Amino acid sequence: MIYFTADTHFYHSNIIALSSRPFTDVEEMNQTLIQNWNSCVTVRDEIYILGDFFFKGTGEEANNLLKNLNGKKYLIRGNHDNFVTFPDFDIRAFRWVKDYFMLNYQKRKFILFHYPILEWQGFFKGAIHLYGHVHAAVKDSTQSERLDVLGKNAINVGVDVNNFFPHKY
């Protein structure tokens, strides 16, 4: 099975208020995200993380977190993924780390990028664009209008719009 997610923001206490997440503190958020992830992703599954995985903390905390999450993990870097450069972070937790990736899966092309983009490779041939970054648009009423122009083949896989679960395709 294959899964996608974005914007988990592990260890980021301010994201609770910024994205109106229903958690009392960062520990509850982290535990819920871990439980939801592992309830559907098995050790055999692949999971593509489309940015903003881990926000605050040490490389060692990121290492420990990744050890507790099921699946073969791939990271598309987001604007808050500086942890991958920490000297105490083990980059081998990911199969690879990239800024952009085109995935061929079940005879479809998927364009993986942290940010929503207006047009992508294969746009006119039915390719699917998966993105994150925009969370749930709760504080920006114009965001829905901006995202609507992307069309039905652009899908936000962020946890804020997927009930804090990875998105299965």
N, C-alpha and C. Protein backbone atom coordinates (compact mmCIF):
# COMPACT_ATOMS: atom_id res chain seq x y z
N MET A 1 0.84 -1.18 0.00
CA MET A 1 0.00 0.00 0.00
C MET A 1 0.89 1.24 0.00
N ILE A 2 0.33 2.34 -0.48
CA ILE A 2 1.07 3.59 -0.57
C ILE A 2 0.25 4.70 0.09
N TYR A 3 0.95 5.53 0.85
CA TYR A 3 0.31 6.63 1.59
C TYR A 3 1.07 7.93 1.36
N PHE A 4 0.36 9.02 1.61
CA PHE A 4 0.94 10.35 1.49
C PHE A 4 0.49 11.18 2.69
N THR A 5 1.35 12.07 3.14
CA THR A 5 0.99 12.98 4.22
C THR A 5 1.82 14.24 4.09
N ALA A 6 1.42 15.26 4.82
CA ALA A 6 2.16 16.53 4.85
C ALA A 6 1.78 17.29 6.11
N ASP A 7 2.66 18.19 6.49
CA ASP A 7 2.39 19.16 7.54
C ASP A 7 2.05 18.56 8.90
N THR A 8 2.71 17.48 9.26
CA THR A 8 2.50 16.93 10.60
C THR A 8 3.02 17.89 11.67
N HIS A 9 4.11 18.56 11.40
CA HIS A 9 4.69 19.55 12.33
C HIS A 9 4.90 18.95 13.73
N PHE A 10 5.47 17.76 13.78
CA PHE A 10 5.76 17.15 15.08
C PHE A 10 6.57 18.11 15.94
N TYR A 11 6.26 18.19 17.20
CA TYR A 11 6.93 19.01 18.22
C TYR A 11 6.70 20.52 18.05
N HIS A 12 5.76 20.92 17.23
CA HIS A 12 5.50 22.34 16.99
C HIS A 12 4.25 22.75 17.77
N SER A 13 4.44 23.26 18.95
CA SER A 13 3.30 23.61 19.81
C SER A 13 2.44 24.74 19.22
N ASN A 14 3.05 25.69 18.55
CA ASN A 14 2.28 26.82 18.01
C ASN A 14 1.36 26.43 16.86
N ILE A 15 1.62 25.31 16.20
CA ILE A 15 0.77 24.91 15.07
C ILE A 15 -0.64 24.57 15.54
N ILE A 16 -0.79 24.21 16.81
CA ILE A 16 -2.12 23.88 17.35
C ILE A 16 -3.04 25.10 17.22
N ALA A 17 -2.58 26.25 17.64
CA ALA A 17 -3.38 27.47 17.51
C ALA A 17 -3.41 27.98 16.07
N LEU A 18 -2.26 27.97 15.41
CA LEU A 18 -2.18 28.49 14.05
C LEU A 18 -3.12 27.77 13.08
N SER A 19 -3.28 26.45 13.26
CA SER A 19 -4.12 25.66 12.36
C SER A 19 -5.41 25.19 13.03
N SER A 20 -5.71 25.73 14.18
CA SER A 20 -6.91 25.35 14.94
C SER A 20 -7.03 23.84 15.12
N ARG A 21 -5.92 23.22 15.49
CA ARG A 21 -5.93 21.77 15.73
C ARG A 21 -6.59 21.47 17.08
N PRO A 22 -7.32 20.37 17.16
CA PRO A 22 -8.11 20.06 18.37
C PRO A 22 -7.32 19.38 19.48
N PHE A 23 -6.13 19.86 19.76
CA PHE A 23 -5.28 19.22 20.78
C PHE A 23 -5.00 20.22 21.89
N THR A 24 -4.84 19.71 23.11
CA THR A 24 -4.56 20.58 24.26
C THR A 24 -3.09 20.95 24.33
N ASP A 25 -2.21 20.09 23.83
CA ASP A 25 -0.77 20.37 23.87
C ASP A 25 -0.05 19.54 22.82
N VAL A 26 1.25 19.80 22.67
CA VAL A 26 2.04 19.15 21.63
C VAL A 26 2.18 17.65 21.89
N GLU A 27 2.19 17.23 23.13
CA GLU A 27 2.30 15.79 23.43
C GLU A 27 1.06 15.05 22.93
N GLU A 28 -0.12 15.62 23.17
CA GLU A 28 -1.35 14.99 22.68
C GLU A 28 -1.36 14.95 21.16
N MET A 29 -0.95 16.06 20.53
CA MET A 29 -0.90 16.10 19.07
C MET A 29 0.06 15.04 18.53
N ASN A 30 1.27 15.00 19.07
CA ASN A 30 2.26 14.02 18.60
C ASN A 30 1.73 12.60 18.75
N GLN A 31 1.17 12.27 19.91
CA GLN A 31 0.68 10.91 20.15
C GLN A 31 -0.47 10.56 19.21
N THR A 32 -1.37 11.50 18.97
CA THR A 32 -2.48 11.25 18.05
C THR A 32 -1.97 11.01 16.63
N LEU A 33 -1.03 11.85 16.19
CA LEU A 33 -0.47 11.69 14.84
C LEU A 33 0.24 10.35 14.70
N ILE A 34 1.01 9.95 15.71
CA ILE A 34 1.71 8.66 15.68
C ILE A 34 0.71 7.52 15.65
N GLN A 35 -0.29 7.57 16.51
CA GLN A 35 -1.31 6.50 16.58
C GLN A 35 -2.07 6.40 15.26
N ASN A 36 -2.49 7.53 14.71
CA ASN A 36 -3.22 7.51 13.44
C ASN A 36 -2.36 6.97 12.31
N TRP A 37 -1.11 7.39 12.25
CA TRP A 37 -0.17 6.92 11.23
C TRP A 37 -0.05 5.40 11.32
N ASN A 38 0.29 4.90 12.50
CA ASN A 38 0.55 3.47 12.66
C ASN A 38 -0.71 2.61 12.61
N SER A 39 -1.88 3.21 12.74
CA SER A 39 -3.13 2.45 12.64
C SER A 39 -3.44 2.06 11.20
N CYS A 40 -2.82 2.75 10.23
CA CYS A 40 -3.08 2.39 8.84
C CYS A 40 -1.82 2.01 8.07
N VAL A 41 -0.70 2.62 8.37
CA VAL A 41 0.55 2.34 7.66
C VAL A 41 1.25 1.17 8.35
N THR A 42 1.57 0.13 7.58
CA THR A 42 2.30 -1.02 8.12
C THR A 42 3.79 -0.87 7.80
N VAL A 43 4.59 -1.75 8.33
CA VAL A 43 6.03 -1.69 8.06
C VAL A 43 6.34 -1.97 6.59
N ARG A 44 5.45 -2.63 5.87
CA ARG A 44 5.65 -2.95 4.46
C ARG A 44 5.21 -1.82 3.52
N ASP A 45 4.40 -0.90 4.01
CA ASP A 45 3.86 0.17 3.17
C ASP A 45 4.91 1.25 2.91
N GLU A 46 4.65 2.03 1.86
CA GLU A 46 5.46 3.20 1.57
C GLU A 46 4.67 4.43 1.96
N ILE A 47 5.37 5.43 2.52
CA ILE A 47 4.71 6.68 2.86
C ILE A 47 5.58 7.84 2.41
N TYR A 48 4.98 8.71 1.62
CA TYR A 48 5.65 9.89 1.10
C TYR A 48 5.20 11.08 1.94
N ILE A 49 6.17 11.73 2.56
CA ILE A 49 5.91 12.87 3.44
C ILE A 49 6.21 14.13 2.63
N LEU A 50 5.18 14.92 2.36
CA LEU A 50 5.33 16.09 1.50
C LEU A 50 5.60 17.35 2.31
N GLY A 51 6.58 17.27 3.16
CA GLY A 51 7.11 18.44 3.83
C GLY A 51 6.52 18.76 5.19
N ASP A 52 7.30 19.57 5.92
CA ASP A 52 6.97 20.05 7.26
C ASP A 52 6.63 18.91 8.21
N PHE A 53 7.52 17.94 8.23
CA PHE A 53 7.35 16.76 9.06
C PHE A 53 7.62 17.06 10.54
N PHE A 54 8.74 17.68 10.82
CA PHE A 54 9.24 17.86 12.19
C PHE A 54 9.68 19.31 12.32
N PHE A 55 9.16 20.01 13.34
CA PHE A 55 9.43 21.44 13.39
C PHE A 55 10.46 21.85 14.43
N LYS A 56 10.27 21.45 15.65
CA LYS A 56 11.19 21.86 16.72
C LYS A 56 11.75 20.63 17.39
N GLY A 57 12.92 20.77 17.94
CA GLY A 57 13.53 19.65 18.64
C GLY A 57 14.91 19.36 18.09
N THR A 58 15.44 18.25 18.54
CA THR A 58 16.79 17.86 18.15
C THR A 58 16.75 16.79 17.07
N GLY A 59 17.89 16.57 16.47
CA GLY A 59 18.00 15.49 15.50
C GLY A 59 17.73 14.15 16.14
N GLU A 60 18.15 13.98 17.39
CA GLU A 60 17.91 12.73 18.10
C GLU A 60 16.41 12.50 18.33
N GLU A 61 15.68 13.58 18.63
CA GLU A 61 14.22 13.45 18.78
C GLU A 61 13.58 13.05 17.44
N ALA A 62 14.06 13.61 16.36
CA ALA A 62 13.55 13.23 15.04
C ALA A 62 13.87 11.77 14.75
N ASN A 63 15.08 11.33 15.09
CA ASN A 63 15.46 9.93 14.90
C ASN A 63 14.51 9.01 15.66
N ASN A 64 14.27 9.32 16.93
CA ASN A 64 13.39 8.48 17.76
C ASN A 64 11.97 8.47 17.23
N LEU A 65 11.50 9.61 16.80
CA LEU A 65 10.15 9.70 16.24
C LEU A 65 10.03 8.81 15.00
N LEU A 66 10.97 8.92 14.09
CA LEU A 66 10.92 8.14 12.86
C LEU A 66 10.99 6.64 13.13
N LYS A 67 11.71 6.24 14.16
CA LYS A 67 11.77 4.81 14.52
C LYS A 67 10.43 4.29 14.99
N ASN A 68 9.58 5.18 15.50
CA ASN A 68 8.26 4.79 16.02
C ASN A 68 7.15 4.87 14.98
N LEU A 69 7.48 5.26 13.77
CA LEU A 69 6.49 5.38 12.70
C LEU A 69 6.70 4.27 11.68
N ASN A 70 5.63 3.58 11.36
CA ASN A 70 5.68 2.48 10.40
C ASN A 70 5.94 2.99 8.98
N GLY A 71 6.40 2.08 8.15
CA GLY A 71 6.51 2.33 6.73
C GLY A 71 7.90 2.67 6.24
N LYS A 72 8.05 2.55 4.94
CA LYS A 72 9.26 2.97 4.24
C LYS A 72 9.04 4.43 3.89
N LYS A 73 9.85 5.31 4.45
CA LYS A 73 9.59 6.74 4.42
C LYS A 73 10.43 7.47 3.38
N TYR A 74 9.75 8.38 2.67
CA TYR A 74 10.37 9.25 1.68
C TYR A 74 9.99 10.68 2.04
N LEU A 75 10.94 11.60 1.94
CA LEU A 75 10.66 12.98 2.32
C LEU A 75 10.82 13.94 1.15
N ILE A 76 9.76 14.67 0.88
CA ILE A 76 9.82 15.84 0.01
C ILE A 76 9.99 17.02 0.97
N ARG A 77 11.08 17.72 0.85
CA ARG A 77 11.38 18.80 1.79
C ARG A 77 10.35 19.93 1.72
N GLY A 78 9.96 20.39 2.91
CA GLY A 78 9.10 21.56 3.02
C GLY A 78 9.90 22.71 3.60
N ASN A 79 9.25 23.81 3.84
CA ASN A 79 9.94 24.99 4.34
C ASN A 79 10.36 24.88 5.80
N HIS A 80 9.92 23.85 6.52
CA HIS A 80 10.30 23.68 7.93
C HIS A 80 11.08 22.38 8.18
N ASP A 81 11.73 21.84 7.19
CA ASP A 81 12.43 20.56 7.36
C ASP A 81 13.93 20.73 7.52
N ASN A 82 14.33 21.67 8.35
CA ASN A 82 15.75 21.91 8.61
C ASN A 82 16.40 20.79 9.41
N PHE A 83 15.61 19.98 10.08
CA PHE A 83 16.16 18.91 10.91
C PHE A 83 17.04 17.96 10.12
N VAL A 84 16.83 17.84 8.81
CA VAL A 84 17.62 16.89 8.01
C VAL A 84 19.10 17.29 7.95
N THR A 85 19.40 18.54 8.29
CA THR A 85 20.80 18.99 8.27
C THR A 85 21.43 18.98 9.67
N PHE A 86 20.68 18.62 10.69
CA PHE A 86 21.23 18.58 12.04
C PHE A 86 22.31 17.50 12.11
N PRO A 87 23.44 17.77 12.75
CA PRO A 87 24.52 16.78 12.82
C PRO A 87 24.12 15.48 13.52
N ASP A 88 23.16 15.54 14.45
CA ASP A 88 22.76 14.33 15.17
C ASP A 88 21.56 13.63 14.52
N PHE A 89 21.14 14.07 13.32
CA PHE A 89 20.05 13.39 12.63
C PHE A 89 20.60 12.34 11.68
N ASP A 90 19.98 11.16 11.68
CA ASP A 90 20.39 10.06 10.80
C ASP A 90 19.50 10.07 9.55
N ILE A 91 20.02 10.61 8.48
CA ILE A 91 19.27 10.76 7.22
C ILE A 91 18.82 9.41 6.66
N ARG A 92 19.45 8.33 7.11
CA ARG A 92 19.09 6.99 6.61
C ARG A 92 17.69 6.56 7.05
N ALA A 93 17.04 7.35 7.90
CA ALA A 93 15.65 7.05 8.28
C ALA A 93 14.72 7.16 7.08
N PHE A 94 15.17 7.91 6.06
CA PHE A 94 14.40 8.06 4.82
C PHE A 94 15.07 7.28 3.70
N ARG A 95 14.25 6.73 2.80
CA ARG A 95 14.79 6.07 1.61
C ARG A 95 15.49 7.09 0.73
N TRP A 96 14.90 8.29 0.66
CA TRP A 96 15.53 9.43 0.01
C TRP A 96 14.87 10.71 0.50
N VAL A 97 15.55 11.83 0.24
CA VAL A 97 15.04 13.17 0.55
C VAL A 97 15.19 13.99 -0.74
N LYS A 98 14.10 14.60 -1.20
CA LYS A 98 14.13 15.38 -2.44
C LYS A 98 13.27 16.64 -2.26
N ASP A 99 13.38 17.54 -3.21
CA ASP A 99 12.54 18.74 -3.21
C ASP A 99 11.27 18.54 -4.03
N TYR A 100 11.31 17.65 -5.00
CA TYR A 100 10.22 17.45 -5.95
C TYR A 100 10.38 16.03 -6.49
N PHE A 101 9.27 15.36 -6.77
CA PHE A 101 9.41 13.99 -7.29
C PHE A 101 8.20 13.65 -8.15
N MET A 102 8.46 12.94 -9.25
CA MET A 102 7.39 12.41 -10.08
C MET A 102 7.35 10.90 -9.85
N LEU A 103 6.23 10.43 -9.33
CA LEU A 103 6.04 9.03 -9.00
C LEU A 103 5.10 8.38 -10.00
N ASN A 104 5.49 7.24 -10.53
CA ASN A 104 4.61 6.44 -11.37
C ASN A 104 4.03 5.34 -10.51
N TYR A 105 2.70 5.32 -10.40
CA TYR A 105 2.03 4.34 -9.53
C TYR A 105 0.68 3.99 -10.15
N GLN A 106 0.44 2.70 -10.32
CA GLN A 106 -0.80 2.19 -10.90
C GLN A 106 -1.16 2.91 -12.21
N LYS A 107 -0.16 3.00 -13.08
CA LYS A 107 -0.31 3.59 -14.41
C LYS A 107 -0.74 5.07 -14.39
N ARG A 108 -0.44 5.75 -13.28
CA ARG A 108 -0.70 7.19 -13.17
C ARG A 108 0.58 7.88 -12.76
N LYS A 109 0.69 9.15 -13.13
CA LYS A 109 1.80 9.97 -12.69
C LYS A 109 1.32 10.85 -11.53
N PHE A 110 2.15 10.90 -10.50
CA PHE A 110 1.88 11.73 -9.34
C PHE A 110 3.04 12.70 -9.18
N ILE A 111 2.72 13.96 -9.11
CA ILE A 111 3.73 15.00 -8.89
C ILE A 111 3.68 15.36 -7.41
N LEU A 112 4.79 15.11 -6.72
CA LEU A 112 4.87 15.35 -5.28
C LEU A 112 5.71 16.59 -5.02
N PHE A 113 5.09 17.55 -4.36
CA PHE A 113 5.77 18.81 -4.06
C PHE A 113 5.12 19.38 -2.80
N HIS A 114 5.90 20.04 -1.96
CA HIS A 114 5.34 20.57 -0.72
C HIS A 114 4.29 21.65 -0.99
N TYR A 115 4.51 22.45 -1.99
CA TYR A 115 3.65 23.60 -2.27
C TYR A 115 2.64 23.28 -3.38
N PRO A 116 1.44 23.85 -3.30
CA PRO A 116 0.51 23.71 -4.44
C PRO A 116 1.04 24.53 -5.61
N ILE A 117 0.97 23.95 -6.79
CA ILE A 117 1.43 24.65 -7.99
C ILE A 117 0.31 24.67 -9.03
N LEU A 118 0.31 25.69 -9.84
CA LEU A 118 -0.78 25.90 -10.79
C LEU A 118 -0.79 24.88 -11.93
N GLU A 119 0.39 24.50 -12.37
CA GLU A 119 0.48 23.53 -13.46
C GLU A 119 1.71 22.66 -13.23
N TRP A 120 1.64 21.39 -13.56
CA TRP A 120 2.71 20.44 -13.28
C TRP A 120 2.90 19.51 -14.46
N GLN A 121 4.01 18.80 -14.45
CA GLN A 121 4.32 17.87 -15.53
C GLN A 121 3.19 16.86 -15.66
N GLY A 122 2.66 16.70 -16.84
CA GLY A 122 1.56 15.77 -17.09
C GLY A 122 0.19 16.34 -16.77
N PHE A 123 0.11 17.63 -16.49
CA PHE A 123 -1.15 18.30 -16.14
C PHE A 123 -2.24 18.00 -17.17
N PHE A 124 -1.91 18.09 -18.44
CA PHE A 124 -2.89 17.90 -19.50
C PHE A 124 -3.11 16.43 -19.85
N LYS A 125 -2.41 15.55 -19.15
CA LYS A 125 -2.55 14.11 -19.40
C LYS A 125 -3.05 13.37 -18.16
N GLY A 126 -3.66 14.10 -17.23
CA GLY A 126 -4.28 13.47 -16.07
C GLY A 126 -3.37 13.19 -14.89
N ALA A 127 -2.16 13.74 -14.90
CA ALA A 127 -1.27 13.53 -13.75
C ALA A 127 -1.87 14.19 -12.50
N ILE A 128 -1.64 13.57 -11.37
CA ILE A 128 -2.15 14.05 -10.09
C ILE A 128 -1.05 14.82 -9.36
N HIS A 129 -1.40 15.99 -8.86
CA HIS A 129 -0.46 16.78 -8.06
C HIS A 129 -0.86 16.67 -6.59
N LEU A 130 0.05 16.14 -5.77
CA LEU A 130 -0.17 16.03 -4.33
C LEU A 130 0.70 17.07 -3.64
N TYR A 131 0.12 17.77 -2.67
CA TYR A 131 0.83 18.87 -2.02
C TYR A 131 0.39 18.99 -0.56
N GLY A 132 1.05 19.89 0.14
CA GLY A 132 0.70 20.24 1.51
C GLY A 132 0.81 21.74 1.65
N HIS A 133 1.48 22.19 2.68
CA HIS A 133 1.83 23.58 2.98
C HIS A 133 0.67 24.47 3.41
N VAL A 134 -0.51 24.32 2.84
CA VAL A 134 -1.59 25.27 3.06
C VAL A 134 -2.48 24.92 4.25
N HIS A 135 -2.23 23.80 4.89
CA HIS A 135 -3.02 23.36 6.05
C HIS A 135 -4.50 23.33 5.69
N ALA A 136 -5.37 23.90 6.55
CA ALA A 136 -6.81 23.79 6.31
C ALA A 136 -7.47 25.12 5.96
N ALA A 137 -6.71 26.16 5.77
CA ALA A 137 -7.22 27.46 5.34
C ALA A 137 -8.21 28.09 6.32
N VAL A 138 -8.14 27.71 7.59
CA VAL A 138 -9.12 28.23 8.55
C VAL A 138 -8.96 29.73 8.83
N LYS A 139 -7.79 30.27 8.63
CA LYS A 139 -7.57 31.69 8.93
C LYS A 139 -7.48 32.56 7.68
N ASP A 140 -7.64 31.97 6.51
CA ASP A 140 -7.50 32.72 5.27
C ASP A 140 -8.67 32.37 4.35
N SER A 141 -9.67 33.20 4.33
CA SER A 141 -10.89 32.90 3.56
C SER A 141 -10.64 32.89 2.05
N THR A 142 -9.60 33.56 1.58
CA THR A 142 -9.34 33.58 0.14
C THR A 142 -8.56 32.36 -0.34
N GLN A 143 -8.03 31.58 0.62
CA GLN A 143 -7.20 30.44 0.22
C GLN A 143 -7.99 29.41 -0.58
N SER A 144 -9.22 29.13 -0.20
CA SER A 144 -10.05 28.16 -0.94
C SER A 144 -10.22 28.59 -2.38
N GLU A 145 -10.45 29.87 -2.59
CA GLU A 145 -10.59 30.38 -3.96
C GLU A 145 -9.31 30.17 -4.76
N ARG A 146 -8.19 30.44 -4.14
CA ARG A 146 -6.91 30.27 -4.83
C ARG A 146 -6.67 28.80 -5.16
N LEU A 147 -7.00 27.91 -4.25
CA LEU A 147 -6.76 26.48 -4.47
C LEU A 147 -7.74 25.87 -5.45
N ASP A 148 -8.95 26.41 -5.54
CA ASP A 148 -9.96 25.87 -6.46
C ASP A 148 -9.49 25.91 -7.91
N VAL A 149 -8.66 26.88 -8.27
CA VAL A 149 -8.20 26.98 -9.66
C VAL A 149 -7.27 25.82 -10.03
N LEU A 150 -6.76 25.10 -9.04
CA LEU A 150 -5.87 23.97 -9.34
C LEU A 150 -6.61 22.81 -9.99
N GLY A 151 -7.89 22.67 -9.72
CA GLY A 151 -8.69 21.60 -10.33
C GLY A 151 -8.71 20.33 -9.51
N LYS A 152 -9.44 19.35 -10.02
CA LYS A 152 -9.69 18.11 -9.28
C LYS A 152 -8.47 17.20 -9.18
N ASN A 153 -7.45 17.41 -10.00
CA ASN A 153 -6.26 16.56 -9.95
C ASN A 153 -5.17 17.10 -9.04
N ALA A 154 -5.49 18.10 -8.25
CA ALA A 154 -4.56 18.62 -7.24
C ALA A 154 -5.19 18.31 -5.88
N ILE A 155 -4.44 17.58 -5.06
CA ILE A 155 -5.00 17.09 -3.79
C ILE A 155 -4.09 17.47 -2.63
N ASN A 156 -4.67 18.11 -1.64
CA ASN A 156 -3.97 18.46 -0.41
C ASN A 156 -3.93 17.20 0.46
N VAL A 157 -2.73 16.69 0.75
CA VAL A 157 -2.58 15.48 1.57
C VAL A 157 -2.17 15.82 3.00
N GLY A 158 -2.27 17.09 3.37
CA GLY A 158 -1.91 17.52 4.72
C GLY A 158 -2.82 16.93 5.77
N VAL A 159 -2.27 16.73 6.95
CA VAL A 159 -3.05 16.11 8.04
C VAL A 159 -4.25 16.96 8.45
N ASP A 160 -4.16 18.27 8.31
CA ASP A 160 -5.25 19.14 8.74
C ASP A 160 -6.53 18.94 7.94
N VAL A 161 -6.44 18.45 6.72
CA VAL A 161 -7.64 18.21 5.91
C VAL A 161 -7.94 16.72 5.76
N ASN A 162 -7.18 15.88 6.44
CA ASN A 162 -7.37 14.43 6.36
C ASN A 162 -7.57 13.82 7.75
N ASN A 163 -8.22 14.58 8.64
CA ASN A 163 -8.55 14.11 9.98
C ASN A 163 -7.33 13.59 10.74
N PHE A 164 -6.15 14.14 10.42
CA PHE A 164 -4.89 13.82 11.08
C PHE A 164 -4.41 12.39 10.80
N PHE A 165 -4.81 11.88 9.64
CA PHE A 165 -4.37 10.56 9.16
C PHE A 165 -3.60 10.75 7.86
N PRO A 166 -2.73 9.79 7.52
CA PRO A 166 -2.13 9.79 6.18
C PRO A 166 -3.22 9.55 5.13
N HIS A 167 -2.99 10.06 3.94
CA HIS A 167 -3.91 9.91 2.83
C HIS A 167 -3.52 8.67 2.03
N LYS A 168 -4.47 7.78 1.81
CA LYS A 168 -4.20 6.56 1.03
C LYS A 168 -4.69 6.80 -0.39
N TYR A 169 -3.86 6.39 -1.34
CA TYR A 169 -4.31 6.50 -2.74
C TYR A 169 -4.46 5.13 -3.33
